[in-house]
Amino acid sequence: MVLLFLVMGFGFSGYLLPWNKLAFFATTVGTQMAGEIPIIGHPIMIFLRGGPQVTGATLTRFFGFHVAVLPGLVVVLIAIHLFLVQRQGMSVPPQVEAKWAANPALRREMKFFPNFLLRELMAWYVAIGTLGALAALFPWNLGVKADPFASAPAGIKPEWYFLFMYQTLKLIPAKVWFVDGEVLGIVGCALIGLFWLLLPFFESDRPVRTRVWITGLAIFALAYVIGMTAYGYLAK
């Protein structure tokens, strides 16, 4: 889950780097959403922007996040992940563990070096080659240079990986009792993300019926994200 959040951070920080009109206003809206978080929101917004407004300092800061801070964190987390896999093995369903306990001959193992490492390198080669081919065949224009004094483009939307959250916030009323709808939506999304982040630490000891409910909630959440993303993409 932490790696997923870091990948989303890559998308958010890299979106500003072309410094075009769409990137400027999308980053302004995104950092403003972070500023709506109660108590800690305003300091987070100032930290992300490097000041009260999105300026050249924000661009420099996001570039540092994108090419130095986030890659460093990803490398550290992947190293920790590989270390834990080597020490504790891969996680498998309880049914598979029961079969292995009954018949140890069914358990298949692979050495990290060279077998697993070579497989991973081949996957990386394919991914980098595909990315390079897409960049060469479908180059992306930088667009119109950002102008802080210009009006926001009509129908501006975030990229697809944030579209479900954007569409959810649009559907929440402006006021829910005495709470701002935008604040309620942002805090709700943050709490849901925190729940899924902490779930592996207490889920394994739960009864089977509870695990079934959690699996059902996960399927519902995935369907909701896909559905709201499609709805946001098709909505005008």
Foldseek 3Di string as FASTA:
>chain_A
DVVVVLVVLLVLLVLCQLQAALSQVVNQVVLVLQLLAPPCSVVSSCVQCVHPGNDVVNNVSSVCCNPPVSVVVVVVVVVVVVVCCVVPNDDDDPVVVVVCVVPVVPDDDDDCPPVVVVVVVVVVVVVVVVVVVCCVVPPDDSYHHHDPPDDHDPPRADDLQCQLLVLVLVPFDCDDPPDGSSNVSSVVVVVVVVCVVCCVVPVVPDDPVVVVVVVVVVVVVVVSSVVSSVVSVPDD
